[in-house]
N, C-alpha and C. Protein backbone atom coordinates (compact mmCIF):
# COMPACT_ATOMS: atom_id res chain seq x y z
N MET A 1 55.57 -31.85 2.73
CA MET A 1 54.42 -31.28 2.00
C MET A 1 53.10 -31.68 2.73
N ALA A 2 53.05 -32.89 3.24
CA ALA A 2 51.86 -33.30 3.96
C ALA A 2 51.59 -32.40 5.14
N ILE A 3 52.73 -32.11 5.77
CA ILE A 3 52.56 -31.19 6.97
C ILE A 3 51.96 -29.78 6.66
N TRP A 4 52.39 -29.27 5.53
CA TRP A 4 51.87 -27.99 5.04
C TRP A 4 50.33 -28.09 4.74
N ASN A 5 49.90 -29.21 4.11
CA ASN A 5 48.46 -29.42 3.90
C ASN A 5 47.70 -29.47 5.19
N LYS A 6 48.26 -30.14 6.20
CA LYS A 6 47.62 -30.27 7.45
C LYS A 6 47.44 -28.83 8.11
N ILE A 7 48.47 -28.07 7.99
CA ILE A 7 48.51 -26.70 8.59
C ILE A 7 47.43 -25.84 7.90
N GLN A 8 47.40 -25.96 6.57
CA GLN A 8 46.41 -25.26 5.77
C GLN A 8 45.00 -25.56 6.23
N LEU A 9 44.76 -26.88 6.30
CA LEU A 9 43.39 -27.34 6.73
C LEU A 9 43.06 -26.79 8.08
N THR A 10 44.01 -26.88 9.00
CA THR A 10 43.79 -26.44 10.37
C THR A 10 43.44 -24.90 10.40
N MET A 11 44.19 -24.12 9.60
CA MET A 11 43.97 -22.71 9.57
C MET A 11 42.65 -22.37 9.00
N GLN A 12 42.25 -23.10 7.91
CA GLN A 12 40.91 -22.90 7.30
C GLN A 12 39.83 -23.23 8.30
N TYR A 13 40.04 -24.30 9.11
CA TYR A 13 38.95 -24.68 10.16
C TYR A 13 38.90 -23.52 11.12
N TYR A 14 39.96 -23.11 11.65
CA TYR A 14 39.90 -22.06 12.68
C TYR A 14 39.33 -20.77 12.16
N LEU A 15 39.70 -20.43 10.92
CA LEU A 15 39.25 -19.22 10.28
C LEU A 15 37.68 -19.26 10.11
N LYS A 16 37.21 -20.41 9.65
CA LYS A 16 35.82 -20.61 9.46
C LYS A 16 35.07 -20.43 10.83
N GLU A 17 35.57 -21.09 11.86
CA GLU A 17 34.95 -21.01 13.22
C GLU A 17 34.94 -19.51 13.71
N PHE A 18 36.12 -18.85 13.42
CA PHE A 18 36.25 -17.47 13.91
C PHE A 18 35.19 -16.57 13.14
N VAL A 19 35.07 -16.74 11.88
CA VAL A 19 34.14 -15.99 11.04
C VAL A 19 32.74 -16.22 11.52
N CYS A 20 32.36 -17.53 11.69
CA CYS A 20 30.99 -17.88 12.10
C CYS A 20 30.69 -17.26 13.46
N THR A 21 31.62 -17.32 14.37
CA THR A 21 31.35 -16.72 15.71
C THR A 21 31.17 -15.20 15.60
N ASN A 22 31.98 -14.62 14.83
CA ASN A 22 31.90 -13.14 14.70
C ASN A 22 30.59 -12.72 14.00
N LEU A 23 30.16 -13.52 13.07
CA LEU A 23 28.89 -13.15 12.31
C LEU A 23 27.76 -13.28 13.31
N ARG A 24 27.74 -14.28 14.18
CA ARG A 24 26.68 -14.47 15.17
C ARG A 24 26.72 -13.24 16.12
N TRP A 25 27.86 -12.87 16.56
CA TRP A 25 28.04 -11.66 17.41
C TRP A 25 27.54 -10.43 16.76
N LEU A 26 27.87 -10.29 15.42
CA LEU A 26 27.43 -9.10 14.72
C LEU A 26 25.96 -9.09 14.58
N GLU A 27 25.32 -10.19 14.30
CA GLU A 27 23.89 -10.26 14.21
C GLU A 27 23.25 -9.80 15.50
N ASP A 28 23.75 -10.24 16.62
CA ASP A 28 23.25 -9.86 17.93
C ASP A 28 23.32 -8.39 18.09
N VAL A 29 24.45 -7.75 17.68
CA VAL A 29 24.64 -6.27 17.86
C VAL A 29 23.61 -5.65 16.94
N LEU A 30 23.48 -6.07 15.68
CA LEU A 30 22.50 -5.46 14.79
C LEU A 30 21.12 -5.50 15.32
N PHE A 31 20.72 -6.70 15.85
CA PHE A 31 19.46 -6.93 16.45
C PHE A 31 19.18 -5.94 17.55
N ALA A 32 20.20 -5.76 18.44
CA ALA A 32 20.07 -4.91 19.57
C ALA A 32 19.91 -3.44 19.10
N LEU A 33 20.63 -3.03 18.10
CA LEU A 33 20.56 -1.70 17.53
C LEU A 33 19.13 -1.40 16.99
N ASN A 34 18.65 -2.39 16.23
CA ASN A 34 17.27 -2.23 15.64
C ASN A 34 16.26 -2.11 16.79
N ALA A 35 16.40 -2.92 17.87
CA ALA A 35 15.49 -2.83 18.97
C ALA A 35 15.55 -1.39 19.58
N LEU A 36 16.70 -0.83 19.75
CA LEU A 36 16.85 0.48 20.32
C LEU A 36 16.20 1.59 19.46
N GLN A 37 16.29 1.45 18.18
CA GLN A 37 15.73 2.45 17.25
C GLN A 37 14.18 2.51 17.25
N GLU A 38 13.53 1.38 17.59
CA GLU A 38 12.05 1.32 17.56
C GLU A 38 11.47 2.16 18.72
C-alpha cells in the first residue's frame, strides 16, 4: 500500500510540473498572438 501512495505522489508531482510548464508555454503563445494583432 505504501508503494501505491508513493506512486500517486510521484504522478501528482509530475502532472503538476507538466501543467505548469504548459501554462507558461500557453501564456507565451497568447502573448505573441496579441502582439501580432496590434
